[in-house]
Amino acid sequence: MVMNDCGTFAVKRIDRSREGSDQVFERELEILGSIKHINLVNLRGYCRLPTARLLIYDYLVMGSLDNFLHERVDDRLLNWNARLKVALGSARGLAYLHHDCCPKIVHRDIKSSNIL
């Protein structure tokens, strides 16, 4: 796949043995590709391979909330104001998925490693 902006991207690999049909996957991609919100990571594309499916997302340099909470790096500690901003941003993203996008989406896997 060629991206015209030469950016850095994150790739999520989904093992084909754990997923449903290609038609279901294609429909989910249509929905994910249409979601645009400031508090949600942008899906840039995908690749379907014989053994896996790859989802290509914008790369976020700061990493996940999990990194901040569990890596003991002194210069990366989150103060209470930053924690509040993360919580509010996460809540806004989920509220958009649950109430404002069409069709409504339930995330089903909220955890600190999925909050970027």
PDB file of N, CA and C in Angstrom:
ATOM      1  N   MET A   1       0.839  -1.171   0.000  1.00  0.00           N
ATOM      2  CA  MET A   1       0.000   0.000   0.000  1.00  0.00           C
ATOM      3  C   MET A   1       0.886   1.237   0.000  1.00  0.00           C
ATOM      4  N   VAL A   2       0.505   2.206  -0.754  1.00  0.00           N
ATOM      5  CA  VAL A   2       1.256   3.453  -0.843  1.00  0.00           C
ATOM      6  C   VAL A   2       0.448   4.557  -0.174  1.00  0.00           C
ATOM      7  N   MET A   3       1.081   5.235   0.759  1.00  0.00           N
ATOM      8  CA  MET A   3       0.458   6.386   1.408  1.00  0.00           C
ATOM      9  C   MET A   3       1.114   7.629   0.826  1.00  0.00           C
ATOM     10  N   ASN A   4       0.327   8.568   0.391  1.00  0.00           N
ATOM     11  CA  ASN A   4       0.873   9.720  -0.314  1.00  0.00           C
ATOM     12  C   ASN A   4       1.485  10.790   0.581  1.00  0.00           C
ATOM     13  N   ASP A   5       1.339  10.669   1.900  1.00  0.00           N
ATOM     14  CA  ASP A   5       1.908  11.709   2.761  1.00  0.00           C
ATOM     15  C   ASP A   5       3.199  11.285   3.458  1.00  0.00           C
ATOM     16  N   CYS A   6       3.715  10.093   3.163  1.00  0.00           N
ATOM     17  CA  CYS A   6       5.003   9.615   3.692  1.00  0.00           C
ATOM     18  C   CYS A   6       5.059   9.667   5.214  1.00  0.00           C
ATOM     19  N   GLY A   7       3.950   9.517   5.886  1.00  0.00           N
ATOM     20  CA  GLY A   7       3.911   9.568   7.339  1.00  0.00           C
ATOM     21  C   GLY A   7       4.293   8.246   7.973  1.00  0.00           C
ATOM     22  N   THR A   8       4.277   8.221   9.296  1.00  0.00           N
ATOM     23  CA  THR A   8       4.523   7.005  10.059  1.00  0.00           C
ATOM     24  C   THR A   8       3.176   6.470  10.513  1.00  0.00           C
ATOM     25  N   PHE A   9       3.020   5.160  10.408  1.00  0.00           N
ATOM     26  CA  PHE A   9       1.736   4.545  10.708  1.00  0.00           C
ATOM     27  C   PHE A   9       1.898   3.391  11.678  1.00  0.00           C
ATOM     28  N   ALA A  10       0.836   3.090  12.393  1.00  0.00           N
ATOM     29  CA  ALA A  10       0.783   1.928  13.271  1.00  0.00           C
ATOM     30  C   ALA A  10      -0.022   0.852  12.558  1.00  0.00           C
ATOM     31  N   VAL A  11       0.422  -0.390  12.674  1.00  0.00           N
ATOM     32  CA  VAL A  11      -0.255  -1.501  12.010  1.00  0.00           C
ATOM     33  C   VAL A  11      -0.733  -2.484  13.069  1.00  0.00           C
ATOM     34  N   LYS A  12      -2.015  -2.805  13.024  1.00  0.00           N
ATOM     35  CA  LYS A  12      -2.603  -3.800  13.914  1.00  0.00           C
ATOM     36  C   LYS A  12      -2.854  -5.053  13.094  1.00  0.00           C
ATOM     37  N   ARG A  13      -2.300  -6.169  13.540  1.00  0.00           N
ATOM     38  CA  ARG A  13      -2.446  -7.440  12.834  1.00  0.00           C
ATOM     39  C   ARG A  13      -3.568  -8.243  13.482  1.00  0.00           C
ATOM     40  N   ILE A  14      -4.494  -8.719  12.657  1.00  0.00           N
ATOM     41  CA  ILE A  14      -5.605  -9.549  13.122  1.00  0.00           C
ATOM     42  C   ILE A  14      -5.453 -10.916  12.480  1.00  0.00           C
ATOM     43  N   ASP A  15      -5.287 -11.935  13.299  1.00  0.00           N
ATOM     44  CA  ASP A  15      -5.138 -13.303  12.800  1.00  0.00           C
ATOM     45  C   ASP A  15      -6.442 -13.743  12.143  1.00  0.00           C
ATOM     46  N   ARG A  16      -6.367 -14.229  10.921  1.00  0.00           N
ATOM     47  CA  ARG A  16      -7.581 -14.614  10.185  1.00  0.00           C
ATOM     48  C   ARG A  16      -8.327 -15.760  10.842  1.00  0.00           C
ATOM     49  N   SER A  17      -7.641 -16.600  11.592  1.00  0.00           N
ATOM     50  CA  SER A  17      -8.318 -17.740  12.218  1.00  0.00           C
ATOM     51  C   SER A  17      -9.277 -17.301  13.321  1.00  0.00           C
ATOM     52  N   ARG A  18      -9.122 -16.072  13.831  1.00  0.00           N
ATOM     53  CA  ARG A  18      -9.974 -15.588  14.918  1.00  0.00           C
ATOM     54  C   ARG A  18     -11.102 -14.694  14.442  1.00  0.00           C
ATOM     55  N   GLU A  19     -11.174 -14.430  13.183  1.00  0.00           N
ATOM     56  CA  GLU A  19     -12.161 -13.483  12.670  1.00  0.00           C
ATOM     57  C   GLU A  19     -13.211 -14.171  11.808  1.00  0.00           C
ATOM     58  N   GLY A  20     -14.257 -13.434  11.488  1.00  0.00           N
ATOM     59  CA  GLY A  20     -15.339 -13.936  10.655  1.00  0.00           C
ATOM     60  C   GLY A  20     -15.015 -13.851   9.176  1.00  0.00           C
ATOM     61  N   SER A  21     -16.026 -13.787   8.383  1.00  0.00           N
ATOM     62  CA  SER A  21     -15.880 -13.799   6.929  1.00  0.00           C
ATOM     63  C   SER A  21     -15.294 -12.491   6.409  1.00  0.00           C
ATOM     64  N   ASP A  22     -14.811 -12.537   5.167  1.00  0.00           N
ATOM     65  CA  ASP A  22     -14.292 -11.335   4.526  1.00  0.00           C
ATOM     66  C   ASP A  22     -15.385 -10.288   4.352  1.00  0.00           C
ATOM     67  N   GLN A  23     -16.623 -10.723   4.118  1.00  0.00           N
ATOM     68  CA  GLN A  23     -17.722  -9.769   3.938  1.00  0.00           C
ATOM     69  C   GLN A  23     -17.982  -8.987   5.223  1.00  0.00           C
ATOM     70  N   VAL A  24     -17.944  -9.677   6.363  1.00  0.00           N
ATOM     71  CA  VAL A  24     -18.139  -9.007   7.650  1.00  0.00           C
ATOM     72  C   VAL A  24     -16.992  -8.031   7.893  1.00  0.00           C
ATOM     73  N   PHE A  25     -15.769  -8.474   7.605  1.00  0.00           N
ATOM     74  CA  PHE A  25     -14.592  -7.629   7.775  1.00  0.00           C
ATOM     75  C   PHE A  25     -14.686  -6.378   6.905  1.00  0.00           C
ATOM     76  N   GLU A  26     -15.095  -6.544   5.653  1.00  0.00           N
ATOM     77  CA  GLU A  26     -15.231  -5.404   4.737  1.00  0.00           C
ATOM     78  C   GLU A  26     -16.270  -4.410   5.255  1.00  0.00           C
ATOM     79  N   ARG A  27     -17.380  -4.912   5.770  1.00  0.00           N
ATOM     80  CA  ARG A  27     -18.427  -4.029   6.306  1.00  0.00           C
ATOM     81  C   ARG A  27     -17.915  -3.262   7.523  1.00  0.00           C
ATOM     82  N   GLU A  28     -17.190  -3.958   8.402  1.00  0.00           N
ATOM     83  CA  GLU A  28     -16.627  -3.291   9.571  1.00  0.00           C
ATOM     84  C   GLU A  28     -15.628  -2.213   9.151  1.00  0.00           C
ATOM     85  N   LEU A  29     -14.856  -2.482   8.105  1.00  0.00           N
ATOM     86  CA  LEU A  29     -13.904  -1.489   7.605  1.00  0.00           C
ATOM     87  C   LEU A  29     -14.613  -0.252   7.070  1.00  0.00           C
ATOM     88  N   GLU A  30     -15.718  -0.448   6.388  1.00  0.00           N
ATOM     89  CA  GLU A  30     -16.494   0.693   5.895  1.00  0.00           C
ATOM     90  C   GLU A  30     -16.916   1.588   7.053  1.00  0.00           C
ATOM     91  N   ILE A  31     -17.392   0.955   8.114  1.00  0.00           N
ATOM     92  CA  ILE A  31     -17.844   1.711   9.283  1.00  0.00           C
ATOM     93  C   ILE A  31     -16.661   2.404   9.947  1.00  0.00           C
ATOM     94  N   LEU A  32     -15.576   1.653  10.211  1.00  0.00           N
ATOM     95  CA  LEU A  32     -14.405   2.239  10.865  1.00  0.00           C
ATOM     96  C   LEU A  32     -13.801   3.366  10.037  1.00  0.00           C
ATOM     97  N   GLY A  33     -13.781   3.199   8.735  1.00  0.00           N
ATOM     98  CA  GLY A  33     -13.219   4.220   7.860  1.00  0.00           C
ATOM     99  C   GLY A  33     -14.028   5.502   7.826  1.00  0.00           C
ATOM    100  N   SER A  34     -15.301   5.415   8.181  1.00  0.00           N
ATOM    101  CA  SER A  34     -16.162   6.603   8.145  1.00  0.00           C
ATOM    102  C   SER A  34     -16.142   7.390   9.453  1.00  0.00           C
ATOM    103  N   ILE A  35     -15.553   6.827  10.493  1.00  0.00           N
ATOM    104  CA  ILE A  35     -15.535   7.480  11.802  1.00  0.00           C
ATOM    105  C   ILE A  35     -14.451   8.546  11.840  1.00  0.00           C
ATOM    106  N   LYS A  36     -14.853   9.759  12.105  1.00  0.00           N
ATOM    107  CA  LYS A  36     -13.916  10.876  12.222  1.00  0.00           C
ATOM    108  C   LYS A  36     -14.256  11.652  13.492  1.00  0.00           C
ATOM    109  N   HIS A  37     -13.340  11.613  14.455  1.00  0.00           N
ATOM    110  CA  HIS A  37     -13.545  12.336  15.709  1.00  0.00           C
ATOM    111  C   HIS A  37     -12.180  12.678  16.283  1.00  0.00           C
ATOM    112  N   ILE A  38     -12.052  13.834  16.876  1.00  0.00           N
ATOM    113  CA  ILE A  38     -10.770  14.294  17.392  1.00  0.00           C
ATOM    114  C   ILE A  38     -10.211  13.366  18.470  1.00  0.00           C
ATOM    115  N   ASN A  39     -11.052  12.637  19.187  1.00  0.00           N
ATOM    116  CA  ASN A  39     -10.593  11.760  20.258  1.00  0.00           C
ATOM    117  C   ASN A  39     -10.483  10.298  19.844  1.00  0.00           C
ATOM    118  N   LEU A  40     -10.554  10.016  18.552  1.00  0.00           N
ATOM    119  CA  LEU A  40     -10.424   8.643  18.057  1.00  0.00           C
ATOM    120  C   LEU A  40      -9.305   8.575  17.024  1.00  0.00           C
ATOM    121  N   VAL A  41      -8.542   7.487  17.050  1.00  0.00           N
ATOM    122  CA  VAL A  41      -7.436   7.311  16.105  1.00  0.00           C
ATOM    123  C   VAL A  41      -8.006   7.052  14.715  1.00  0.00           C
ATOM    124  N   ASN A  42      -7.399   7.677  13.725  1.00  0.00           N
ATOM    125  CA  ASN A  42      -7.867   7.598  12.345  1.00  0.00           C
ATOM    126  C   ASN A  42      -7.397   6.310  11.661  1.00  0.00           C
ATOM    127  N   LEU A  43      -8.340   5.535  11.118  1.00  0.00           N
ATOM    128  CA  LEU A  43      -8.007   4.365  10.302  1.00  0.00           C
ATOM    129  C   LEU A  43      -7.629   4.865   8.920  1.00  0.00           C
ATOM    130  N   ARG A  44      -6.404   4.555   8.462  1.00  0.00           N
ATOM    131  CA  ARG A  44      -5.914   5.046   7.179  1.00  0.00           C
ATOM    132  C   ARG A  44      -6.091   4.047   6.050  1.00  0.00           C
ATOM    133  N   GLY A  45      -6.134   2.754   6.386  1.00  0.00           N
ATOM    134  CA  GLY A  45      -6.266   1.755   5.338  1.00  0.00           C
ATOM    135  C   GLY A  45      -6.180   0.357   5.916  1.00  0.00           C
ATOM    136  N   TYR A  46      -6.146  -0.622   5.033  1.00  0.00           N
ATOM    137  CA  TYR A  46      -6.044  -2.006   5.477  1.00  0.00           C
ATOM    138  C   TYR A  46      -5.392  -2.834   4.382  1.00  0.00           C
ATOM    139  N   CYS A  47      -5.000  -4.036   4.767  1.00  0.00           N
ATOM    140  CA  CYS A  47      -4.426  -4.992   3.824  1.00  0.00           C
ATOM    141  C   CYS A  47      -4.939  -6.375   4.213  1.00  0.00           C
ATOM    142  N   ARG A  48      -5.443  -7.096   3.236  1.00  0.00           N
ATOM    143  CA  ARG A  48      -5.949  -8.444   3.491  1.00  0.00           C
ATOM    144  C   ARG A  48      -4.932  -9.442   2.931  1.00  0.00           C
ATOM    145  N   LEU A  49      -4.326 -10.238   3.813  1.00  0.00           N
ATOM    146  CA  LEU A  49      -3.344 -11.251   3.444  1.00  0.00           C
ATOM    147  C   LEU A  49      -3.947 -12.635   3.638  1.00  0.00           C
ATOM    148  N   PRO A  50      -3.333 -13.681   3.076  1.00  0.00           N
ATOM    149  CA  PRO A  50      -3.873 -15.032   3.268  1.00  0.00           C
ATOM    150  C   PRO A  50      -3.945 -15.462   4.735  1.00  0.00           C
ATOM    151  N   THR A  51      -3.002 -15.008   5.558  1.00  0.00           N
ATOM    152  CA  THR A  51      -2.968 -15.454   6.954  1.00  0.00           C
ATOM    153  C   THR A  51      -3.402 -14.398   7.958  1.00  0.00           C
ATOM    154  N   ALA A  52      -3.545 -13.169   7.534  1.00  0.00           N
ATOM    155  CA  ALA A  52      -3.880 -12.102   8.482  1.00  0.00           C
ATOM    156  C   ALA A  52      -4.508 -10.926   7.754  1.00  0.00           C
ATOM    157  N   ARG A  53      -5.108 -10.078   8.559  1.00  0.00           N
ATOM    158  CA  ARG A  53      -5.626  -8.805   8.080  1.00  0.00           C
ATOM    159  C   ARG A  53      -4.873  -7.720   8.834  1.00  0.00           C
ATOM    160  N   LEU A  54      -4.496  -6.686   8.136  1.00  0.00           N
ATOM    161  CA  LEU A  54      -3.746  -5.596   8.741  1.00  0.00           C
ATOM    162  C   LEU A  54      -4.571  -4.322   8.687  1.00  0.00           C
ATOM    163  N   LEU A  55      -4.681  -3.652   9.816  1.00  0.00           N
ATOM    164  CA  LEU A  55      -5.344  -2.356   9.884  1.00  0.00           C
ATOM    165  C   LEU A  55      -4.265  -1.300  10.051  1.00  0.00           C
ATOM    166  N   ILE A  56      -4.296  -0.261   9.243  1.00  0.00           N
ATOM    167  CA  ILE A  56      -3.286   0.786   9.274  1.00  0.00           C
ATOM    168  C   ILE A  56      -3.906   2.041   9.880  1.00  0.00           C
ATOM    169  N   TYR A  57      -3.312   2.487  10.983  1.00  0.00           N
ATOM    170  CA  TYR A  57      -3.791   3.652  11.719  1.00  0.00           C
ATOM    171  C   TYR A  57      -2.720   4.734  11.737  1.00  0.00           C
ATOM    172  N   ASP A  58      -3.140   5.963  12.011  1.00  0.00           N
ATOM    173  CA  ASP A  58      -2.170   7.021  12.274  1.00  0.00           C
ATOM    174  C   ASP A  58      -1.335   6.602  13.483  1.00  0.00           C
ATOM    175  N   TYR A  59      -0.049   6.883  13.434  1.00  0.00           N
ATOM    176  CA  TYR A  59       0.844   6.581  14.549  1.00  0.00           C
ATOM    177  C   TYR A  59       0.839   7.753  15.519  1.00  0.00           C
ATOM    178  N   LEU A  60       0.640   7.454  16.793  1.00  0.00           N
ATOM    179  CA  LEU A  60       0.636   8.492  17.818  1.00  0.00           C
ATOM    180  C   LEU A  60       1.901   8.353  18.661  1.00  0.00           C
ATOM    181  N   VAL A  61       2.757   9.335  18.580  1.00  0.00           N
ATOM    182  CA  VAL A  61       4.095   9.285  19.161  1.00  0.00           C
ATOM    183  C   VAL A  61       4.080   9.070  20.671  1.00  0.00           C
ATOM    184  N   MET A  62       3.110   9.611  21.361  1.00  0.00           N
ATOM    185  CA  MET A  62       3.096   9.541  22.821  1.00  0.00           C
ATOM    186  C   MET A  62       2.791   8.144  23.353  1.00  0.00           C
ATOM    187  N   GLY A  63       2.265   7.262  22.528  1.00  0.00           N
ATOM    188  CA  GLY A  63       1.969   5.908  22.982  1.00  0.00           C
ATOM    189  C   GLY A  63       0.672   5.828  23.757  1.00  0.00           C
ATOM    190  N   SER A  64       0.508   4.732  24.461  1.00  0.00           N
ATOM    191  CA  SER A  64      -0.753   4.471  25.154  1.00  0.00           C
ATOM    192  C   SER A  64      -0.729   4.966  26.597  1.00  0.00           C
ATOM    193  N   LEU A  65      -1.909   5.075  27.172  1.00  0.00           N
ATOM    194  CA  LEU A  65      -2.042   5.407  28.585  1.00  0.00           C
ATOM    195  C   LEU A  65      -1.343   4.352  29.433  1.00  0.00           C
ATOM    196  N   ASP A  66      -1.405   3.109  29.007  1.00  0.00           N
ATOM    197  CA  ASP A  66      -0.745   2.013  29.711  1.00  0.00           C
ATOM    198  C   ASP A  66       0.749   2.298  29.889  1.00  0.00           C
ATOM    199  N   ASN A  67       1.390   2.820  28.844  1.00  0.00           N
ATOM    200  CA  ASN A  67       2.814   3.168  28.942  1.00  0.00           C
ATOM    201  C   ASN A  67       3.054   4.200  30.036  1.00  0.00           C
ATOM    202  N   PHE A  68       2.208   5.208  30.099  1.00  0.00           N
ATOM    203  CA  PHE A  68       2.377   6.252  31.106  1.00  0.00           C
ATOM    204  C   PHE A  68       2.134   5.727  32.513  1.00  0.00           C
ATOM    205  N   LEU A  69       1.179   4.830  32.669  1.00  0.00           N
ATOM    206  CA  LEU A  69       0.826   4.341  33.997  1.00  0.00           C
ATOM    207  C   LEU A  69       1.790   3.290  34.525  1.00  0.00           C
ATOM    208  N   HIS A  70       2.372   2.485  33.642  1.00  0.00           N
ATOM    209  CA  HIS A  70       3.136   1.326  34.105  1.00  0.00           C
ATOM    210  C   HIS A  70       4.620   1.377  33.818  1.00  0.00           C
ATOM    211  N   GLU A  71       5.077   2.268  32.952  1.00  0.00           N
ATOM    212  CA  GLU A  71       6.515   2.449  32.760  1.00  0.00           C
ATOM    213  C   GLU A  71       6.975   3.496  33.758  1.00  0.00           C
ATOM    214  N   ARG A  72       7.924   3.158  34.567  1.00  0.00           N
ATOM    215  CA  ARG A  72       8.384   4.066  35.627  1.00  0.00           C
ATOM    216  C   ARG A  72       9.462   5.021  35.104  1.00  0.00           C
ATOM    217  N   VAL A  73       9.051   5.893  34.211  1.00  0.00           N
ATOM    218  CA  VAL A  73       9.955   6.902  33.676  1.00  0.00           C
ATOM    219  C   VAL A  73       9.544   8.240  34.282  1.00  0.00           C
ATOM    220  N   ASP A  74      10.425   8.836  35.071  1.00  0.00           N
ATOM    221  CA  ASP A  74      10.075  10.044  35.830  1.00  0.00           C
ATOM    222  C   ASP A  74       9.593  11.200  34.970  1.00  0.00           C
ATOM    223  N   ASP A  75      10.173  11.375  33.783  1.00  0.00           N
ATOM    224  CA  ASP A  75       9.778  12.518  32.967  1.00  0.00           C
ATOM    225  C   ASP A  75       8.473  12.290  32.213  1.00  0.00           C
ATOM    226  N   ARG A  76       7.847  11.123  32.400  1.00  0.00           N
ATOM    227  CA  ARG A  76       6.593  10.839  31.707  1.00  0.00           C
ATOM    228  C   ARG A  76       5.433  10.644  32.683  1.00  0.00           C
ATOM    229  N   LEU A  77       5.566  11.120  33.898  1.00  0.00           N
ATOM    230  CA  LEU A  77       4.481  10.987  34.862  1.00  0.00           C
ATOM    231  C   LEU A  77       3.327  11.913  34.485  1.00  0.00           C
ATOM    232  N   LEU A  78       2.120  11.433  34.700  1.00  0.00           N
ATOM    233  CA  LEU A  78       0.932  12.245  34.417  1.00  0.00           C
ATOM    234  C   LEU A  78       0.470  12.933  35.694  1.00  0.00           C
ATOM    235  N   ASN A  79       0.396  14.254  35.665  1.00  0.00           N
ATOM    236  CA  ASN A  79      -0.162  14.956  36.814  1.00  0.00           C
ATOM    237  C   ASN A  79      -1.685  14.832  36.763  1.00  0.00           C
ATOM    238  N   TRP A  80      -2.348  15.339  37.787  1.00  0.00           N
ATOM    239  CA  TRP A  80      -3.800  15.156  37.867  1.00  0.00           C
ATOM    240  C   TRP A  80      -4.538  15.896  36.761  1.00  0.00           C
ATOM    241  N   ASN A  81      -4.031  17.040  36.348  1.00  0.00           N
ATOM    242  CA  ASN A  81      -4.661  17.778  35.258  1.00  0.00           C
ATOM    243  C   ASN A  81      -4.585  16.976  33.955  1.00  0.00           C
ATOM    244  N   ALA A  82      -3.432  16.380  33.687  1.00  0.00           N
ATOM    245  CA  ALA A  82      -3.271  15.556  32.480  1.00  0.00           C
ATOM    246  C   ALA A  82      -4.166  14.322  32.547  1.00  0.00           C
ATOM    247  N   ARG A  83      -4.274  13.726  33.725  1.00  0.00           N
ATOM    248  CA  ARG A  83      -5.142  12.546  33.882  1.00  0.00           C
ATOM    249  C   ARG A  83      -6.597  12.902  33.606  1.00  0.00           C
ATOM    250  N   LEU A  84      -7.020  14.074  34.073  1.00  0.00           N
ATOM    251  CA  LEU A  84      -8.386  14.530  33.813  1.00  0.00           C
ATOM    252  C   LEU A  84      -8.611  14.715  32.315  1.00  0.00           C
ATOM    253  N   LYS A  85      -7.638  15.298  31.616  1.00  0.00           N
ATOM    254  CA  LYS A  85      -7.758  15.486  30.166  1.00  0.00           C
ATOM    255  C   LYS A  85      -7.868  14.149  29.440  1.00  0.00           C
ATOM    256  N   VAL A  86      -7.087  13.157  29.870  1.00  0.00           N
ATOM    257  CA  VAL A  86      -7.158  11.823  29.260  1.00  0.00           C
ATOM    258  C   VAL A  86      -8.537  11.215  29.502  1.00  0.00           C
ATOM    259  N   ALA A  87      -9.028  11.317  30.735  1.00  0.00           N
ATOM    260  CA  ALA A  87     -10.342  10.752  31.061  1.00  0.00           C
ATOM    261  C   ALA A  87     -11.450  11.430  30.256  1.00  0.00           C
ATOM    262  N   LEU A  88     -11.405  12.746  30.159  1.00  0.00           N
ATOM    263  CA  LEU A  88     -12.431  13.468  29.402  1.00  0.00           C
ATOM    264  C   LEU A  88     -12.349  13.161  27.909  1.00  0.00           C
ATOM    265  N   GLY A  89     -11.145  13.092  27.367  1.00  0.00           N
ATOM    266  CA  GLY A  89     -10.987  12.747  25.954  1.00  0.00           C
ATOM    267  C   GLY A  89     -11.494  11.353  25.651  1.00  0.00           C
ATOM    268  N   SER A  90     -11.190  10.412  26.544  1.00  0.00           N
ATOM    269  CA  SER A  90     -11.679   9.041  26.371  1.00  0.00           C
ATOM    270  C   SER A  90     -13.199   9.000  26.429  1.00  0.00           C
ATOM    271  N   ALA A  91     -13.766   9.715  27.390  1.00  0.00           N
ATOM    272  CA  ALA A  91     -15.226   9.754  27.524  1.00  0.00           C
ATOM    273  C   ALA A  91     -15.879  10.389  26.299  1.00  0.00           C
ATOM    274  N   ARG A  92     -15.271  11.434  25.759  1.00  0.00           N
ATOM    275  CA  ARG A  92     -15.830  12.076  24.557  1.00  0.00           C
ATOM    276  C   ARG A  92     -15.788  11.132  23.357  1.00  0.00           C
ATOM    277  N   GLY A  93     -14.680  10.415  23.199  1.00  0.00           N
ATOM    278  CA  GLY A  93     -14.580   9.456  22.102  1.00  0.00           C
ATOM    279  C   GLY A  93     -15.615   8.351  22.222  1.00  0.00           C
ATOM    280  N   LEU A  94     -15.777   7.809  23.430  1.00  0.00           N
ATOM    281  CA  LEU A  94     -16.775   6.756  23.644  1.00  0.00           C
ATOM    282  C   LEU A  94     -18.194   7.285  23.466  1.00  0.00           C
ATOM    283  N   ALA A  95     -18.454   8.489  23.949  1.00  0.00           N
ATOM    284  CA  ALA A  95     -19.791   9.075  23.777  1.00  0.00           C
ATOM    285  C   ALA A  95     -20.118   9.219  22.297  1.00  0.00           C
ATOM    286  N   TYR A  96     -19.135   9.624  21.510  1.00  0.00           N
ATOM    287  CA  TYR A  96     -19.352   9.725  20.064  1.00  0.00           C
ATOM    288  C   TYR A  96     -19.712   8.359  19.482  1.00  0.00           C
ATOM    289  N   LEU A  97     -18.938   7.338  19.828  1.00  0.00           N
ATOM    290  CA  LEU A  97     -19.210   5.995  19.303  1.00  0.00           C
ATOM    291  C   LEU A  97     -20.587   5.490  19.723  1.00  0.00           C
ATOM    292  N   HIS A  98     -20.933   5.706  20.991  1.00  0.00           N
ATOM    293  CA  HIS A  98     -22.179   5.157  21.540  1.00  0.00           C
ATOM    294  C   HIS A  98     -23.424   5.931  21.137  1.00  0.00           C
ATOM    295  N   HIS A  99     -23.286   7.241  20.912  1.00  0.00           N
ATOM    296  CA  HIS A  99     -24.484   8.058  20.725  1.00  0.00           C
ATOM    297  C   HIS A  99     -24.560   8.826  19.409  1.00  0.00           C
ATOM    298  N   ASP A 100     -23.423   9.239  18.868  1.00  0.00           N
ATOM    299  CA  ASP A 100     -23.454  10.177  17.751  1.00  0.00           C
ATOM    300  C   ASP A 100     -23.124   9.591  16.389  1.00  0.00           C
ATOM    301  N   CYS A 101     -22.384   8.501  16.328  1.00  0.00           N
ATOM    302  CA  CYS A 101     -22.061   7.974  14.996  1.00  0.00           C
ATOM    303  C   CYS A 101     -23.153   7.001  14.544  1.00  0.00           C
ATOM    304  N   CYS A 102     -23.202   6.775  13.267  1.00  0.00           N
ATOM    305  CA  CYS A 102     -24.231   5.908  12.701  1.00  0.00           C
ATOM    306  C   CYS A 102     -23.560   4.879  11.792  1.00  0.00           C
ATOM    307  N   PRO A 103     -23.681   3.598  12.089  1.00  0.00           N
ATOM    308  CA  PRO A 103     -24.405   3.018  13.221  1.00  0.00           C
ATOM    309  C   PRO A 103     -23.639   3.218  14.527  1.00  0.00           C
ATOM    310  N   LYS A 104     -24.364   3.135  15.631  1.00  0.00           N
ATOM    311  CA  LYS A 104     -23.745   3.261  16.942  1.00  0.00           C
ATOM    312  C   LYS A 104     -22.791   2.083  17.152  1.00  0.00           C
ATOM    313  N   ILE A 105     -21.673   2.341  17.830  1.00  0.00           N
ATOM    314  CA  ILE A 105     -20.642   1.327  18.017  1.00  0.00           C
ATOM    315  C   ILE A 105     -20.353   1.173  19.501  1.00  0.00           C
ATOM    316  N   VAL A 106     -20.278  -0.074  19.973  1.00  0.00           N
ATOM    317  CA  VAL A 106     -19.854  -0.378  21.331  1.00  0.00           C
ATOM    318  C   VAL A 106     -18.436  -0.918  21.234  1.00  0.00           C
ATOM    319  N   HIS A 107     -17.490  -0.299  21.926  1.00  0.00           N
ATOM    320  CA  HIS A 107     -16.072  -0.639  21.792  1.00  0.00           C
ATOM    321  C   HIS A 107     -15.764  -2.051  22.290  1.00  0.00           C
ATOM    322  N   ARG A 108     -16.228  -2.438  23.440  1.00  0.00           N
ATOM    323  CA  ARG A 108     -16.082  -3.769  24.049  1.00  0.00           C
ATOM    324  C   ARG A 108     -14.679  -4.139  24.510  1.00  0.00           C
ATOM    325  N   ASP A 109     -13.710  -3.242  24.434  1.00  0.00           N
ATOM    326  CA  ASP A 109     -12.363  -3.583  24.896  1.00  0.00           C
ATOM    327  C   ASP A 109     -11.640  -2.335  25.412  1.00  0.00           C
ATOM    328  N   ILE A 110     -12.287  -1.631  26.335  1.00  0.00           N
ATOM    329  CA  ILE A 110     -11.685  -0.423  26.887  1.00  0.00           C
ATOM    330  C   ILE A 110     -10.675  -0.828  27.950  1.00  0.00           C
ATOM    331  N   LYS A 111      -9.438  -0.436  27.730  1.00  0.00           N
ATOM    332  CA  LYS A 111      -8.356  -0.673  28.685  1.00  0.00           C
ATOM    333  C   LYS A 111      -7.265   0.348  28.404  1.00  0.00           C
ATOM    334  N   SER A 112      -6.360   0.514  29.348  1.00  0.00           N
ATOM    335  CA  SER A 112      -5.359   1.578  29.230  1.00  0.00           C
ATOM    336  C   SER A 112      -4.460   1.415  28.008  1.00  0.00           C
ATOM    337  N   SER A 113      -4.218   0.197  27.554  1.00  0.00           N
ATOM    338  CA  SER A 113      -3.371   0.010  26.368  1.00  0.00           C
ATOM    339  C   SER A 113      -4.093   0.399  25.080  1.00  0.00           C
ATOM    340  N   ASN A 114      -5.418   0.553  25.124  1.00  0.00           N
ATOM    341  CA  ASN A 114      -6.184   0.981  23.952  1.00  0.00           C
ATOM    342  C   ASN A 114      -6.499   2.475  23.966  1.00  0.00           C
ATOM    343  N   ILE A 115      -6.053   3.171  24.981  1.00  0.00           N
ATOM    344  CA  ILE A 115      -6.254   4.619  25.055  1.00  0.00           C
ATOM    345  C   ILE A 115      -4.942   5.279  24.664  1.00  0.00           C
ATOM    346  N   LEU A 116      -4.959   5.961  23.524  1.00  0.00           N
ATOM    347  CA  LEU A 116      -3.729   6.545  22.969  1.00  0.00           C
ATOM    348  C   LEU A 116      -3.726   8.052  23.099  1.00  0.00           C
TER     349      LEU A 116
END
